[in-house]
Amino acid sequence: MRIPPGPTPVTGGTAELLADADRDGAWMLLVNGTPQSHVDLDDPAHLEFEYVRRMGHVLDLAAEPGAALDVVHLGGGALTLPRYVATTRPGSRQRVVEIDEPLTELVREHLPLPRRARIRVRAADARAALITMHPASADVVITDVFAGARTPAHLTSAEFAAEAARVLRPGGFYVANVADGPPLRFARAQVATLRTAFRHVCLLAEPGTLRGRRFGNLVAVASDAGLPLAGLSRACARDPMPSRVVDGADLEQFTGAAQPVRDADAQPSPEPPAGVFGR
């Protein structure tokens, strides 16, 4: 994707909206210079970022096509996935938790939400908001939260995973953006952590990232019921940048001796190398 020198960016606090020169009506949101979201106002079902496409695949397979869902989004950004759900699953009830209220105001003003979208945005810390939600009140919980370019430590622990599991209905899906690079210690520990709260876990990731060749975004998917592995594999293979679904024995090998992370020793996700998520 090509970001042009003009038109003049729209700014607010630490956030900046830039027009996408390759797609009319599309915008990139940057926070502190790091790309956070991509939105196509003319086609909200278009997902530009590869890891967001993988999250979209989970949403596509979470229920019968077109059926409404109750979705909790921890981390809002430019509300890319809420727009996607509102378009592909009309009538869905969506709760978004985004701590940066000025960012949300900037997005609402310049990137209006689809008409009749049932999207409610709350300004709060993601974990604090999750704790207040009713048990078994969501079909999908998505975590995509960054402070700068790192996931905060308190969103990486077994205690946090247990809260997400509590909020999900039986058979619901937990989805998380896991940013990591070689030797993937953080990602391995996150798999071990999710296994303390969920019976089934898999990873969706580009092969080079899985092999530890580069820093990137892995998507963790977890549930107390079976995962739609065949559907995910087909969808990920069709992407412009194909990715793998890692589960079963392959996931056991990937996780190795990694131990679950508890609140007492939780750490933020690794700092990405300079320039990895820059413009």
C-alpha atoms as a PDB file:
ATOM      1  CA  MET A   1       0.000   0.000   0.000  1.00  0.00           C
ATOM      2  CA  ARG A   2       1.290   3.404  -1.003  1.00  0.00           C
ATOM      3  CA  ILE A   3       0.827   6.383   1.349  1.00  0.00           C
ATOM      4  CA  PRO A   4       1.136   9.660  -0.611  1.00  0.00           C
ATOM      5  CA  PRO A   5       2.538  12.957   0.656  1.00  0.00           C
ATOM      6  CA  GLY A   6      -0.940  14.489   0.282  1.00  0.00           C
ATOM      7  CA  PRO A   7      -3.728  15.264   0.948  1.00  0.00           C
ATOM      8  CA  THR A   8      -2.971  16.843   4.283  1.00  0.00           C
ATOM      9  CA  PRO A   9      -3.206  14.213   7.055  1.00  0.00           C
ATOM     10  CA  VAL A  10      -5.931  14.512   9.670  1.00  0.00           C
ATOM     11  CA  THR A  11      -4.414  14.574  13.137  1.00  0.00           C
ATOM     12  CA  GLY A  12      -5.633  14.445  16.713  1.00  0.00           C
ATOM     13  CA  GLY A  13      -3.389  13.931  19.731  1.00  0.00           C
ATOM     14  CA  THR A  14      -0.986  11.093  18.933  1.00  0.00           C
ATOM     15  CA  ALA A  15      -3.207   9.792  16.082  1.00  0.00           C
ATOM     16  CA  GLU A  16      -2.949  10.562  12.373  1.00  0.00           C
ATOM     17  CA  LEU A  17      -5.211   9.604   9.471  1.00  0.00           C
ATOM     18  CA  LEU A  18      -3.615   9.281   6.030  1.00  0.00           C
ATOM     19  CA  ALA A  19      -5.376   8.680   2.726  1.00  0.00           C
ATOM     20  CA  ASP A  20      -4.549   5.431   0.929  1.00  0.00           C
ATOM     21  CA  ALA A  21      -3.434   6.329  -2.601  1.00  0.00           C
ATOM     22  CA  ASP A  22      -4.295   2.859  -3.912  1.00  0.00           C
ATOM     23  CA  ARG A  23      -7.946   2.755  -2.785  1.00  0.00           C
ATOM     24  CA  ASP A  24     -10.447   5.592  -3.063  1.00  0.00           C
ATOM     25  CA  GLY A  25     -12.220   6.124   0.239  1.00  0.00           C
ATOM     26  CA  ALA A  26      -9.593   4.223   2.222  1.00  0.00           C
ATOM     27  CA  TRP A  27      -7.579   5.523   5.162  1.00  0.00           C
ATOM     28  CA  MET A  28      -4.694   4.437   7.370  1.00  0.00           C
ATOM     29  CA  LEU A  29      -4.646   5.220  11.080  1.00  0.00           C
ATOM     30  CA  LEU A  30      -1.241   5.726  12.686  1.00  0.00           C
ATOM     31  CA  VAL A  31      -0.675   6.168  16.420  1.00  0.00           C
ATOM     32  CA  ASN A  32       2.708   7.570  17.425  1.00  0.00           C
ATOM     33  CA  GLY A  33       3.831   6.841  13.875  1.00  0.00           C
ATOM     34  CA  THR A  34       2.878   3.145  14.007  1.00  0.00           C
ATOM     35  CA  PRO A  35       0.187   1.893  11.585  1.00  0.00           C
ATOM     36  CA  GLN A  36      -2.760   0.683  13.688  1.00  0.00           C
ATOM     37  CA  SER A  37      -5.733   0.319  11.340  1.00  0.00           C
ATOM     38  CA  HIS A  38      -6.836   0.478   7.721  1.00  0.00           C
ATOM     39  CA  VAL A  39     -10.422   1.370   6.783  1.00  0.00           C
ATOM     40  CA  ASP A  40     -12.107   1.398   3.383  1.00  0.00           C
ATOM     41  CA  LEU A  41     -15.249   3.502   3.753  1.00  0.00           C
ATOM     42  CA  ASP A  42     -16.497   2.393   0.322  1.00  0.00           C
ATOM     43  CA  ASP A  43     -15.961  -1.291   1.105  1.00  0.00           C
ATOM     44  CA  PRO A  44     -15.954  -2.017   4.872  1.00  0.00           C
ATOM     45  CA  ALA A  45     -15.616  -5.745   4.120  1.00  0.00           C
ATOM     46  CA  HIS A  46     -12.132  -5.122   2.691  1.00  0.00           C
ATOM     47  CA  LEU A  47      -9.414  -6.007   5.217  1.00  0.00           C
ATOM     48  CA  GLU A  48      -6.019  -4.686   4.168  1.00  0.00           C
ATOM     49  CA  PHE A  49      -3.745  -5.881   6.983  1.00  0.00           C
ATOM     50  CA  GLU A  50      -2.945  -9.575   6.669  1.00  0.00           C
ATOM     51  CA  TYR A  51      -3.351 -10.378  10.368  1.00  0.00           C
ATOM     52  CA  VAL A  52      -6.713  -8.583  10.409  1.00  0.00           C
ATOM     53  CA  ARG A  53      -7.800 -10.722   7.436  1.00  0.00           C
ATOM     54  CA  ARG A  54      -7.011 -13.799   9.555  1.00  0.00           C
ATOM     55  CA  MET A  55      -9.159 -12.442  12.372  1.00  0.00           C
ATOM     56  CA  GLY A  56     -11.855 -11.860   9.777  1.00  0.00           C
ATOM     57  CA  HIS A  57     -11.683 -15.528   8.797  1.00  0.00           C
ATOM     58  CA  VAL A  58     -12.461 -16.505  12.393  1.00  0.00           C
ATOM     59  CA  LEU A  59     -15.433 -14.145  12.415  1.00  0.00           C
ATOM     60  CA  ASP A  60     -16.642 -15.616   9.116  1.00  0.00           C
ATOM     61  CA  LEU A  61     -16.585 -19.112  10.624  1.00  0.00           C
ATOM     62  CA  ALA A  62     -17.946 -18.250  14.073  1.00  0.00           C
ATOM     63  CA  ALA A  63     -21.556 -18.888  12.954  1.00  0.00           C
ATOM     64  CA  GLU A  64     -23.583 -19.537   9.834  1.00  0.00           C
ATOM     65  CA  PRO A  65     -22.973 -16.918   7.098  1.00  0.00           C
ATOM     66  CA  GLY A  66     -24.863 -13.708   7.780  1.00  0.00           C
ATOM     67  CA  ALA A  67     -25.981 -14.701  11.277  1.00  0.00           C
ATOM     68  CA  ALA A  68     -25.713 -11.918  13.857  1.00  0.00           C
ATOM     69  CA  LEU A  69     -23.065 -12.194  16.576  1.00  0.00           C
ATOM     70  CA  ASP A  70     -22.336 -10.582  19.921  1.00  0.00           C
ATOM     71  CA  VAL A  71     -18.716  -9.449  19.636  1.00  0.00           C
ATOM     72  CA  VAL A  72     -16.419  -7.777  22.171  1.00  0.00           C
ATOM     73  CA  HIS A  73     -13.477  -5.867  20.689  1.00  0.00           C
ATOM     74  CA  LEU A  74     -10.703  -5.015  23.149  1.00  0.00           C
ATOM     75  CA  GLY A  75      -8.869  -2.292  21.286  1.00  0.00           C
ATOM     76  CA  GLY A  76     -10.767  -0.171  18.785  1.00  0.00           C
ATOM     77  CA  GLY A  77      -8.379   1.767  16.578  1.00  0.00           C
ATOM     78  CA  ALA A  78     -10.285   2.871  13.484  1.00  0.00           C
ATOM     79  CA  LEU A  79     -12.997   0.253  14.191  1.00  0.00           C
ATOM     80  CA  THR A  80     -12.015  -1.868  11.181  1.00  0.00           C
ATOM     81  CA  LEU A  81     -13.357  -5.207  12.445  1.00  0.00           C
ATOM     82  CA  PRO A  82     -16.540  -3.753  13.954  1.00  0.00           C
ATOM     83  CA  ARG A  83     -17.289  -2.264  10.523  1.00  0.00           C
ATOM     84  CA  TYR A  84     -16.558  -5.634   8.933  1.00  0.00           C
ATOM     85  CA  VAL A  85     -18.940  -7.463  11.258  1.00  0.00           C
ATOM     86  CA  ALA A  86     -21.657  -4.821  10.805  1.00  0.00           C
ATOM     87  CA  THR A  87     -21.403  -5.299   7.035  1.00  0.00           C
ATOM     88  CA  THR A  88     -21.075  -9.075   6.846  1.00  0.00           C
ATOM     89  CA  ARG A  89     -23.364  -9.891   9.789  1.00  0.00           C
ATOM     90  CA  PRO A  90     -26.082  -7.210   9.981  1.00  0.00           C
ATOM     91  CA  GLY A  91     -27.782  -6.889  13.342  1.00  0.00           C
ATOM     92  CA  SER A  92     -24.722  -7.944  15.321  1.00  0.00           C
ATOM     93  CA  ARG A  93     -24.310  -6.338  18.745  1.00  0.00           C
ATOM     94  CA  GLN A  94     -20.761  -5.094  19.237  1.00  0.00           C
ATOM     95  CA  ARG A  95     -19.002  -3.661  22.265  1.00  0.00           C
ATOM     96  CA  VAL A  96     -15.685  -1.894  21.692  1.00  0.00           C
ATOM     97  CA  VAL A  97     -13.260  -0.930  24.456  1.00  0.00           C
ATOM     98  CA  GLU A  98     -10.734   1.736  23.423  1.00  0.00           C
ATOM     99  CA  ILE A  99      -8.847   3.604  26.135  1.00  0.00           C
ATOM    100  CA  ASP A 100      -7.851   6.504  23.842  1.00  0.00           C
ATOM    101  CA  GLU A 101     -11.013   8.616  23.766  1.00  0.00           C
ATOM    102  CA  PRO A 102      -9.556  11.415  21.566  1.00  0.00           C
ATOM    103  CA  LEU A 103      -8.603   8.743  19.010  1.00  0.00           C
ATOM    104  CA  THR A 104     -12.163   7.424  18.972  1.00  0.00           C
ATOM    105  CA  GLU A 105     -13.530  10.958  18.547  1.00  0.00           C
ATOM    106  CA  LEU A 106     -11.148  11.539  15.615  1.00  0.00           C
ATOM    107  CA  VAL A 107     -12.270   8.292  13.971  1.00  0.00           C
ATOM    108  CA  ARG A 108     -15.970   8.945  14.517  1.00  0.00           C
ATOM    109  CA  GLU A 109     -15.670  12.437  13.020  1.00  0.00           C
ATOM    110  CA  HIS A 110     -13.702  11.562   9.908  1.00  0.00           C
ATOM    111  CA  LEU A 111     -14.509   7.864   9.349  1.00  0.00           C
ATOM    112  CA  PRO A 112     -18.248   7.559  10.060  1.00  0.00           C
ATOM    113  CA  LEU A 113     -19.642   4.154  10.968  1.00  0.00           C
ATOM    114  CA  PRO A 114     -22.074   2.308   8.678  1.00  0.00           C
ATOM    115  CA  ARG A 115     -25.738   3.204   9.120  1.00  0.00           C
ATOM    116  CA  ARG A 116     -27.671   1.070  11.583  1.00  0.00           C
ATOM    117  CA  ALA A 117     -24.437  -0.452  12.919  1.00  0.00           C
ATOM    118  CA  ARG A 118     -24.968  -1.570  16.525  1.00  0.00           C
ATOM    119  CA  ILE A 119     -21.495  -0.588  17.714  1.00  0.00           C
ATOM    120  CA  ARG A 120     -21.001   0.857  21.197  1.00  0.00           C
ATOM    121  CA  VAL A 121     -17.571   2.260  22.068  1.00  0.00           C
ATOM    122  CA  ARG A 122     -16.469   2.619  25.692  1.00  0.00           C
ATOM    123  CA  ALA A 123     -13.396   4.561  26.829  1.00  0.00           C
ATOM    124  CA  ALA A 124     -11.734   2.292  29.391  1.00  0.00           C
ATOM    125  CA  ASP A 125      -8.837  -0.047  30.055  1.00  0.00           C
ATOM    126  CA  ALA A 126      -9.469  -3.318  28.223  1.00  0.00           C
ATOM    127  CA  ARG A 127      -9.094  -5.631  31.206  1.00  0.00           C
ATOM    128  CA  ALA A 128     -10.994  -3.379  33.585  1.00  0.00           C
ATOM    129  CA  ALA A 129     -13.903  -3.285  31.134  1.00  0.00           C
ATOM    130  CA  LEU A 130     -13.801  -7.043  30.522  1.00  0.00           C
ATOM    131  CA  ILE A 131     -14.110  -7.731  34.243  1.00  0.00           C
ATOM    132  CA  THR A 132     -17.406  -5.803  34.348  1.00  0.00           C
ATOM    133  CA  MET A 133     -19.025  -7.776  31.508  1.00  0.00           C
ATOM    134  CA  HIS A 134     -21.636 -10.425  32.213  1.00  0.00           C
ATOM    135  CA  PRO A 135     -20.698 -14.106  31.994  1.00  0.00           C
ATOM    136  CA  ALA A 136     -21.581 -15.908  28.765  1.00  0.00           C
ATOM    137  CA  SER A 137     -22.527 -12.646  27.022  1.00  0.00           C
ATOM    138  CA  ALA A 138     -20.366 -12.789  23.871  1.00  0.00           C
ATOM    139  CA  ASP A 139     -19.853 -15.105  20.922  1.00  0.00           C
ATOM    140  CA  VAL A 140     -16.409 -13.709  20.106  1.00  0.00           C
ATOM    141  CA  VAL A 141     -13.857 -11.735  22.136  1.00  0.00           C
ATOM    142  CA  ILE A 142     -11.045 -10.095  20.160  1.00  0.00           C
ATOM    143  CA  THR A 143      -7.921  -8.617  21.745  1.00  0.00           C
ATOM    144  CA  ASP A 144      -5.879  -6.229  19.603  1.00  0.00           C
ATOM    145  CA  VAL A 145      -4.499  -3.712  22.085  1.00  0.00           C
ATOM    146  CA  PHE A 146      -1.224  -1.833  21.838  1.00  0.00           C
ATOM    147  CA  ALA A 147       0.452   0.789  23.975  1.00  0.00           C
ATOM    148  CA  GLY A 148       2.858   2.178  21.427  1.00  0.00           C
ATOM    149  CA  ALA A 149       3.760  -0.973  19.495  1.00  0.00           C
ATOM    150  CA  ARG A 150       3.497  -3.420  22.428  1.00  0.00           C
ATOM    151  CA  THR A 151       0.632  -5.339  24.025  1.00  0.00           C
ATOM    152  CA  PRO A 152       0.357  -4.301  27.694  1.00  0.00           C
ATOM    153  CA  ALA A 153       1.506  -6.922  30.204  1.00  0.00           C
ATOM    154  CA  HIS A 154      -1.818  -7.201  32.036  1.00  0.00           C
ATOM    155  CA  LEU A 155      -3.457  -8.448  28.816  1.00  0.00           C
ATOM    156  CA  THR A 156      -1.056 -11.383  28.424  1.00  0.00           C
ATOM    157  CA  SER A 157      -1.689 -13.437  31.577  1.00  0.00           C
ATOM    158  CA  ALA A 158      -3.648 -16.559  32.466  1.00  0.00           C
ATOM    159  CA  GLU A 159      -5.854 -14.464  34.737  1.00  0.00           C
ATOM    160  CA  PHE A 160      -6.784 -12.249  31.778  1.00  0.00           C
ATOM    161  CA  ALA A 161      -7.449 -15.318  29.587  1.00  0.00           C
ATOM    162  CA  ALA A 162      -9.768 -16.659  32.295  1.00  0.00           C
ATOM    163  CA  GLU A 163     -11.776 -13.425  32.196  1.00  0.00           C
ATOM    164  CA  ALA A 164     -12.129 -13.699  28.419  1.00  0.00           C
ATOM    165  CA  ALA A 165     -13.290 -17.315  28.777  1.00  0.00           C
ATOM    166  CA  ARG A 166     -15.833 -16.251  31.418  1.00  0.00           C
ATOM    167  CA  VAL A 167     -17.396 -13.664  29.104  1.00  0.00           C
ATOM    168  CA  LEU A 168     -17.695 -16.091  26.181  1.00  0.00           C
ATOM    169  CA  ARG A 169     -20.734 -18.280  25.619  1.00  0.00           C
ATOM    170  CA  PRO A 170     -20.159 -22.034  25.318  1.00  0.00           C
ATOM    171  CA  GLY A 171     -18.540 -22.653  21.952  1.00  0.00           C
ATOM    172  CA  GLY A 172     -17.449 -19.019  21.614  1.00  0.00           C
ATOM    173  CA  PHE A 173     -14.112 -17.908  20.196  1.00  0.00           C
ATOM    174  CA  TYR A 174     -11.272 -15.886  21.685  1.00  0.00           C
ATOM    175  CA  VAL A 175      -8.994 -14.209  19.116  1.00  0.00           C
ATOM    176  CA  ALA A 176      -5.781 -12.316  19.888  1.00  0.00           C
ATOM    177  CA  ASN A 177      -3.158 -10.452  17.913  1.00  0.00           C
ATOM    178  CA  VAL A 178       0.238 -11.712  19.128  1.00  0.00           C
ATOM    179  CA  ALA A 179       3.162  -9.610  17.873  1.00  0.00           C
ATOM    180  CA  ASP A 180       6.523 -11.343  18.202  1.00  0.00           C
ATOM    181  CA  GLY A 181       9.818 -12.090  16.497  1.00  0.00           C
ATOM    182  CA  PRO A 182      12.658 -14.576  16.756  1.00  0.00           C
ATOM    183  CA  PRO A 183      12.948 -16.693  18.861  1.00  0.00           C
ATOM    184  CA  LEU A 184       9.153 -16.351  19.433  1.00  0.00           C
ATOM    185  CA  ARG A 185       9.340 -16.808  23.209  1.00  0.00           C
ATOM    186  CA  PHE A 186       6.387 -14.494  23.753  1.00  0.00           C
ATOM    187  CA  ALA A 187       4.155 -16.326  21.240  1.00  0.00           C
ATOM    188  CA  ARG A 188       5.047 -19.729  22.684  1.00  0.00           C
ATOM    189  CA  ALA A 189       4.213 -18.524  26.189  1.00  0.00           C
ATOM    190  CA  GLN A 190       0.916 -17.074  24.958  1.00  0.00           C
ATOM    191  CA  VAL A 191      -0.134 -20.473  23.601  1.00  0.00           C
ATOM    192  CA  ALA A 192       0.699 -22.071  26.964  1.00  0.00           C
ATOM    193  CA  THR A 193      -1.217 -19.289  28.717  1.00  0.00           C
ATOM    194  CA  LEU A 194      -4.360 -19.672  26.618  1.00  0.00           C
ATOM    195  CA  ARG A 195      -4.355 -23.393  27.301  1.00  0.00           C
ATOM    196  CA  THR A 196      -4.976 -22.679  30.976  1.00  0.00           C
ATOM    197  CA  ALA A 197      -8.406 -21.241  30.057  1.00  0.00           C
ATOM    198  CA  PHE A 198      -9.385 -23.002  26.813  1.00  0.00           C
ATOM    199  CA  ARG A 199      -9.429 -26.628  25.669  1.00  0.00           C
ATOM    200  CA  HIS A 200      -8.572 -25.836  22.055  1.00  0.00           C
ATOM    201  CA  VAL A 201      -5.949 -23.407  20.730  1.00  0.00           C
ATOM    202  CA  CYS A 202      -4.399 -22.784  17.315  1.00  0.00           C
ATOM    203  CA  LEU A 203      -2.181 -20.177  15.668  1.00  0.00           C
ATOM    204  CA  LEU A 204      -2.580 -18.490  12.290  1.00  0.00           C
ATOM    205  CA  ALA A 205       0.663 -17.077  10.936  1.00  0.00           C
ATOM    206  CA  GLU A 206       2.751 -16.473   7.857  1.00  0.00           C
ATOM    207  CA  PRO A 207       5.391 -19.258   7.499  1.00  0.00           C
ATOM    208  CA  GLY A 208       8.382 -16.920   7.686  1.00  0.00           C
ATOM    209  CA  THR A 209       7.177 -15.527  11.007  1.00  0.00           C
ATOM    210  CA  LEU A 210       6.528 -19.040  12.341  1.00  0.00           C
ATOM    211  CA  ARG A 211      10.062 -20.082  11.412  1.00  0.00           C
ATOM    212  CA  GLY A 212      11.486 -17.125  13.317  1.00  0.00           C
ATOM    213  CA  ARG A 213      12.785 -15.361  10.223  1.00  0.00           C
ATOM    214  CA  ARG A 214      11.067 -12.042  10.888  1.00  0.00           C
ATOM    215  CA  PHE A 215       9.025 -10.058  13.382  1.00  0.00           C
ATOM    216  CA  GLY A 216       5.306 -10.236  12.645  1.00  0.00           C
ATOM    217  CA  ASN A 217       1.744 -10.741  13.798  1.00  0.00           C
ATOM    218  CA  LEU A 218       0.484 -14.174  14.765  1.00  0.00           C
ATOM    219  CA  VAL A 219      -3.215 -14.667  15.464  1.00  0.00           C
ATOM    220  CA  ALA A 220      -4.108 -16.945  18.380  1.00  0.00           C
ATOM    221  CA  VAL A 221      -7.552 -18.561  18.326  1.00  0.00           C
ATOM    222  CA  ALA A 222      -8.998 -20.389  21.330  1.00  0.00           C
ATOM    223  CA  SER A 223     -12.275 -22.014  22.342  1.00  0.00           C
ATOM    224  CA  ASP A 224     -13.722 -24.514  24.762  1.00  0.00           C
ATOM    225  CA  ALA A 225     -15.257 -26.262  21.737  1.00  0.00           C
ATOM    226  CA  GLY A 226     -13.600 -27.499  18.553  1.00  0.00           C
ATOM    227  CA  LEU A 227     -12.026 -24.979  16.193  1.00  0.00           C
ATOM    228  CA  PRO A 228     -13.013 -24.704  12.491  1.00  0.00           C
ATOM    229  CA  LEU A 229      -9.541 -25.823  11.419  1.00  0.00           C
ATOM    230  CA  ALA A 230     -10.405 -26.967   7.895  1.00  0.00           C
ATOM    231  CA  GLY A 231     -12.242 -23.728   7.107  1.00  0.00           C
ATOM    232  CA  LEU A 232      -9.458 -21.624   8.566  1.00  0.00           C
ATOM    233  CA  SER A 233      -6.837 -23.535   6.577  1.00  0.00           C
ATOM    234  CA  ARG A 234      -8.699 -22.976   3.309  1.00  0.00           C
ATOM    235  CA  ALA A 235      -9.279 -19.289   3.994  1.00  0.00           C
ATOM    236  CA  CYS A 236      -5.692 -18.629   5.084  1.00  0.00           C
ATOM    237  CA  ALA A 237      -4.303 -20.436   2.045  1.00  0.00           C
ATOM    238  CA  ARG A 238      -6.322 -18.192  -0.295  1.00  0.00           C
ATOM    239  CA  ASP A 239      -4.999 -14.934   1.161  1.00  0.00           C
ATOM    240  CA  PRO A 240      -2.640 -12.711  -0.873  1.00  0.00           C
ATOM    241  CA  MET A 241      -0.002 -13.560   1.746  1.00  0.00           C
ATOM    242  CA  PRO A 242      -0.887 -17.177   2.605  1.00  0.00           C
ATOM    243  CA  SER A 243      -0.605 -18.278   6.212  1.00  0.00           C
ATOM    244  CA  ARG A 244      -0.566 -21.572   8.077  1.00  0.00           C
ATOM    245  CA  VAL A 245      -2.867 -22.956  10.736  1.00  0.00           C
ATOM    246  CA  VAL A 246      -0.769 -24.541  13.493  1.00  0.00           C
ATOM    247  CA  ASP A 247      -2.548 -26.976  15.804  1.00  0.00           C
ATOM    248  CA  GLY A 248      -2.258 -30.452  17.299  1.00  0.00           C
ATOM    249  CA  ALA A 249       1.219 -32.000  17.329  1.00  0.00           C
ATOM    250  CA  ASP A 250       2.664 -29.054  15.384  1.00  0.00           C
ATOM    251  CA  LEU A 251       1.435 -26.650  18.037  1.00  0.00           C
ATOM    252  CA  GLU A 252       2.819 -28.890  20.785  1.00  0.00           C
ATOM    253  CA  GLN A 253       6.209 -28.760  19.093  1.00  0.00           C
ATOM    254  CA  PHE A 254       5.954 -25.005  18.634  1.00  0.00           C
ATOM    255  CA  THR A 255       5.065 -24.414  22.289  1.00  0.00           C
ATOM    256  CA  GLY A 256       7.754 -26.739  23.631  1.00  0.00           C
ATOM    257  CA  ALA A 257       8.543 -26.153  27.300  1.00  0.00           C
ATOM    258  CA  ALA A 258       6.960 -22.671  27.425  1.00  0.00           C
ATOM    259  CA  GLN A 259       5.083 -22.012  30.663  1.00  0.00           C
ATOM    260  CA  PRO A 260       1.868 -20.045  31.224  1.00  0.00           C
ATOM    261  CA  VAL A 261       2.260 -16.383  32.147  1.00  0.00           C
ATOM    262  CA  ARG A 262       0.722 -15.223  35.434  1.00  0.00           C
ATOM    263  CA  ASP A 263      -0.068 -11.677  36.506  1.00  0.00           C
ATOM    264  CA  ALA A 264       2.902 -11.638  38.859  1.00  0.00           C
ATOM    265  CA  ASP A 265       5.453 -12.122  36.080  1.00  0.00           C
ATOM    266  CA  ALA A 266       3.628 -10.803  32.991  1.00  0.00           C
ATOM    267  CA  GLN A 267       5.592  -8.662  30.544  1.00  0.00           C
ATOM    268  CA  PRO A 268       4.518  -6.569  27.529  1.00  0.00           C
ATOM    269  CA  SER A 269       4.975  -8.076  24.084  1.00  0.00           C
ATOM    270  CA  PRO A 270       8.457  -7.525  22.609  1.00  0.00           C
ATOM    271  CA  GLU A 271       9.472  -4.190  21.178  1.00  0.00           C
ATOM    272  CA  PRO A 272       9.456  -4.544  17.379  1.00  0.00           C
ATOM    273  CA  PRO A 273      12.699  -3.801  15.542  1.00  0.00           C
ATOM    274  CA  ALA A 274      13.037  -0.276  14.203  1.00  0.00           C
ATOM    275  CA  GLY A 275      11.115   0.242  10.984  1.00  0.00           C
ATOM    276  CA  VAL A 276       9.064  -2.976  11.120  1.00  0.00           C
ATOM    277  CA  PHE A 277       5.715  -1.245  11.595  1.00  0.00           C
ATOM    278  CA  GLY A 278       6.753   2.195  10.419  1.00  0.00           C
ATOM    279  CA  ARG A 279       5.569   3.982   7.309  1.00  0.00           C
END
